[in-house]
Protein backbone atom coordinates (compact mmCIF):
# COMPACT_ATOMS: atom_id res chain seq x y z
CA UNK A 1 38.44 24.73 -58.73
CA UNK A 2 42.03 24.31 -57.86
CA UNK A 3 41.34 26.56 -54.80
CA UNK A 4 38.91 24.08 -53.66
CA UNK A 5 40.20 20.66 -54.93
CA UNK A 6 44.09 20.90 -55.35
CA UNK A 7 44.90 18.46 -57.82
CA UNK A 8 41.45 17.50 -59.03
CA UNK A 9 40.72 16.93 -62.87
CA UNK A 10 38.03 19.37 -64.08
CA UNK A 11 36.52 17.99 -67.23
CA UNK A 12 33.98 19.49 -69.71
CA UNK A 13 30.80 17.91 -70.14
CA UNK A 14 27.85 18.69 -72.66
CA UNK A 15 24.71 18.66 -70.75
CA UNK A 16 21.81 18.49 -73.72
CA UNK A 17 18.61 20.07 -72.64
CA UNK A 18 16.65 23.34 -72.95
CA UNK A 19 18.34 26.65 -71.38
CA UNK A 20 17.35 30.38 -71.85
CA UNK A 21 20.75 30.77 -73.21
CA UNK A 22 19.61 31.19 -76.84
CA UNK A 23 17.27 34.12 -75.61
CA UNK A 24 20.14 35.87 -74.12
CA UNK A 25 22.35 35.23 -76.84
CA UNK A 26 19.93 37.06 -79.15
CA UNK A 27 20.26 40.05 -76.98
CA UNK A 28 24.12 39.99 -77.27
CA UNK A 29 24.70 38.58 -73.78
CA UNK A 30 27.24 35.51 -73.78
CA UNK A 31 26.17 32.71 -71.58
CA UNK A 32 28.31 29.95 -70.04
CA UNK A 33 27.13 26.91 -68.28
CA UNK A 34 28.58 25.99 -64.96
CA UNK A 35 26.97 23.18 -62.86
CA UNK A 36 29.45 21.99 -60.11
CA UNK A 37 28.90 19.22 -58.01
CA UNK A 38 31.33 17.15 -55.98
CA UNK A 39 31.38 13.70 -57.11
CA UNK A 40 32.90 10.68 -54.89
CA UNK A 41 35.22 8.39 -57.28
CA UNK A 42 32.76 5.58 -56.54
CA UNK A 43 29.52 7.42 -57.15
CA UNK A 44 27.54 6.24 -60.39
CA UNK A 45 26.79 9.74 -61.31
CA UNK A 46 25.62 9.07 -64.85
CA UNK A 47 23.47 6.25 -63.64
CA UNK A 48 21.50 8.63 -61.50
CA UNK A 49 21.40 11.87 -63.62
CA UNK A 50 18.00 12.36 -65.25
CA UNK A 51 17.08 8.80 -64.12
CA UNK A 52 13.82 7.85 -62.52
CA UNK A 53 15.46 8.13 -59.12
CA UNK A 54 17.58 11.09 -59.86
CA UNK A 55 19.80 12.61 -56.98
CA UNK A 56 23.13 13.69 -56.01
CA UNK A 57 24.71 13.65 -52.53
CA UNK A 58 23.81 16.49 -50.02
CA UNK A 59 27.63 16.69 -49.55
CA UNK A 60 28.16 16.97 -53.39
CA UNK A 61 25.32 19.72 -53.75
CA UNK A 62 26.62 21.82 -50.81
CA UNK A 63 30.19 21.69 -52.41
CA UNK A 64 28.94 22.75 -55.73
CA UNK A 65 26.94 25.45 -54.41
CA UNK A 66 29.75 26.95 -52.64
CA UNK A 67 31.93 26.68 -55.71
CA UNK A 68 28.97 28.39 -57.81
CA UNK A 69 28.66 31.18 -55.43
CA UNK A 70 32.49 31.87 -55.59
CA UNK A 71 32.31 32.05 -59.39
CA UNK A 72 29.50 34.47 -59.36
CA UNK A 73 31.04 36.66 -56.41
CA UNK A 74 34.25 36.93 -58.43
CA UNK A 75 32.45 38.09 -61.56
CA UNK A 76 30.55 40.77 -59.50
CA UNK A 77 33.46 42.05 -57.58
């Protein structure tokens, strides 16, 4: 993340919910979650996350998509 946002603070976050990770784990495949999104300092992310009017900014989604692509590309090369 430092490559994209020098000086930014990256923090872990537990997202509760259902994933397929438990099924992959049974097959011996280790899974990690990574759901990047750029959040403006004044954005009320947790008030919108899984809310009736759930949304993130287009800019945040586009940035997160680029970052996730870079991670997957790095693992695959």
